[in-house]
Amino acid sequence: MKKNSNEIVGKVLIISMIIISVIFYFINAYQTSNIRTNGKYTIGYPKKIIQTTKRSKVLIYYYSVNSEIYTSSSDINGISVKLNCRYFVKYSTKNPENSLIFFDKIVLDSIKKAPLNGWKELP
């Protein structure tokens, strides 16, 4: 009897993990789509790199939209990131907390700051 209840608990845990993973996948897909369709660009400032596991690193960065500062993060596994560089960030105009940082698009020194409500296109 005990073995049967352990099997049920195991199956419930596996199904729960699958459901949670699917939910996170769709939330991420929606946020990324929202940024791509309703996005503007601003300047992102790397703050620090955190080693989350032996092989995984995350960059914490911040950016400003309409004078409000937002903090976000991005996985940087296999990506060379310089903390003293500025990178372009695309954020959602509907929810500025959602953003994507572009490590291949370094902000030139000639660009001093971003407009308060960002650029529609990369400068």
Protein backbone atom coordinates (compact mmCIF):
# COMPACT_ATOMS: atom_id res chain seq x y z
CA MET A 1 0.00 0.00 0.00
CA LYS A 2 2.81 2.41 0.87
CA LYS A 3 4.56 1.80 -2.46
CA ASN A 4 1.39 2.72 -4.36
CA SER A 5 0.99 6.04 -2.53
CA ASN A 6 4.67 6.90 -3.18
CA GLU A 7 4.12 6.26 -6.90
CA ILE A 8 1.09 8.56 -6.90
CA VAL A 9 3.02 11.32 -5.12
CA GLY A 10 5.89 10.92 -7.61
CA LYS A 11 3.54 11.14 -10.60
CA VAL A 12 1.80 14.22 -9.15
CA LEU A 13 5.17 15.93 -8.63
CA ILE A 14 6.29 15.17 -12.20
CA ILE A 15 3.01 16.40 -13.68
CA SER A 16 3.18 19.55 -11.51
CA MET A 17 6.73 20.28 -12.69
CA ILE A 18 5.70 19.85 -16.32
CA ILE A 19 2.71 22.18 -15.89
CA ILE A 20 4.85 24.83 -14.16
CA SER A 21 7.49 24.59 -16.91
CA VAL A 22 4.84 25.05 -19.61
CA ILE A 23 3.39 28.07 -17.80
CA PHE A 24 6.84 29.70 -17.51
CA TYR A 25 7.52 28.97 -21.18
CA PHE A 26 4.34 30.75 -22.30
CA ILE A 27 4.91 33.70 -19.95
CA ASN A 28 8.43 34.13 -21.35
CA ALA A 29 7.17 33.81 -24.94
CA TYR A 30 4.48 36.45 -24.30
CA GLN A 31 6.95 38.87 -22.71
CA THR A 32 9.46 38.47 -25.53
CA SER A 33 6.74 38.95 -28.16
CA ASN A 34 5.50 42.05 -26.32
CA ILE A 35 9.01 43.53 -26.31
CA ARG A 36 9.47 42.84 -30.02
CA THR A 37 6.11 44.37 -31.04
CA ASN A 38 5.81 47.20 -28.46
CA GLY A 39 9.44 47.88 -27.75
CA LYS A 40 11.72 50.87 -27.60
CA TYR A 41 15.45 51.10 -27.00
CA THR A 42 17.41 52.62 -24.17
CA ILE A 43 20.86 52.21 -22.63
CA GLY A 44 21.62 49.33 -20.28
CA TYR A 45 24.34 49.53 -17.64
CA PRO A 46 25.85 46.26 -16.40
CA LYS A 47 25.92 46.16 -12.61
CA LYS A 48 27.41 42.80 -11.66
CA ILE A 49 27.86 39.20 -12.77
CA ILE A 50 26.60 36.44 -10.51
CA GLN A 51 27.82 32.85 -10.71
CA THR A 52 24.57 30.90 -10.17
CA THR A 53 26.00 27.41 -10.65
CA LYS A 54 29.35 25.98 -11.67
CA ARG A 55 28.58 26.58 -15.36
CA SER A 56 25.94 29.30 -15.25
CA LYS A 57 26.38 33.08 -14.99
CA VAL A 58 23.82 35.86 -14.88
CA LEU A 59 24.36 39.55 -15.61
CA ILE A 60 22.41 42.03 -13.49
CA TYR A 61 21.87 45.29 -15.37
CA TYR A 62 19.82 48.44 -15.00
CA TYR A 63 18.24 50.94 -17.37
CA SER A 64 16.04 54.00 -17.18
CA VAL A 65 12.64 54.67 -18.77
CA ASN A 66 10.90 58.01 -18.15
CA SER A 67 13.28 58.73 -15.25
CA GLU A 68 12.41 55.46 -13.52
CA ILE A 69 15.19 52.92 -12.97
CA TYR A 70 14.56 49.25 -13.74
CA THR A 71 16.76 46.28 -12.90
CA SER A 72 16.81 43.07 -14.89
CA SER A 73 19.00 40.06 -15.53
CA SER A 74 20.17 37.93 -18.42
CA ASP A 75 21.97 34.61 -18.72
CA ILE A 76 25.46 35.17 -20.11
CA ASN A 77 26.72 31.62 -20.56
CA GLY A 78 29.32 31.68 -23.33
CA ILE A 79 28.96 35.44 -23.83
CA SER A 80 31.78 37.87 -23.19
CA VAL A 81 30.43 40.81 -21.19
CA LYS A 82 32.33 43.88 -20.03
CA LEU A 83 31.04 45.59 -16.91
CA ASN A 84 32.48 48.94 -18.04
CA CYS A 85 30.51 48.94 -21.33
CA ARG A 86 27.02 50.16 -22.07
CA TYR A 87 24.67 47.99 -24.12
CA PHE A 88 21.40 48.69 -25.89
CA VAL A 89 18.31 47.34 -24.15
CA LYS A 90 14.90 46.90 -25.74
CA TYR A 91 12.02 47.20 -23.29
CA SER A 92 8.27 46.86 -23.55
CA THR A 93 6.41 50.17 -23.65
CA LYS A 94 3.43 48.41 -22.06
CA ASN A 95 5.50 46.99 -19.21
CA PRO A 96 9.00 48.53 -19.01
CA GLU A 97 10.08 45.91 -16.48
CA ASN A 98 10.32 43.46 -19.39
CA SER A 99 13.52 43.89 -21.37
CA LEU A 100 16.14 42.25 -23.56
CA ILE A 101 19.78 43.31 -23.52
CA PHE A 102 21.82 43.13 -26.73
CA PHE A 103 25.41 42.18 -25.99
CA ASP A 104 26.38 42.62 -29.64
CA LYS A 105 25.22 46.26 -29.66
CA ILE A 106 27.61 48.35 -27.57
CA VAL A 107 26.61 52.00 -27.09
CA LEU A 108 29.16 54.36 -28.61
CA ASP A 109 30.84 56.95 -26.38
CA SER A 110 29.37 59.70 -28.57
CA ILE A 111 25.89 58.81 -27.24
CA LYS A 112 25.77 60.41 -23.80
CA LYS A 113 22.25 59.36 -22.73
CA ALA A 114 18.99 57.96 -24.03
CA PRO A 115 15.81 60.00 -24.49
CA LEU A 116 13.48 59.78 -21.47
CA ASN A 117 11.03 57.51 -23.30
CA GLY A 118 13.64 55.71 -25.43
CA TRP A 119 14.29 55.39 -29.17
CA LYS A 120 11.89 53.70 -31.59
CA GLU A 121 14.89 52.50 -33.63
CA LEU A 122 18.51 51.98 -32.69
CA PRO A 123 20.47 55.23 -33.11
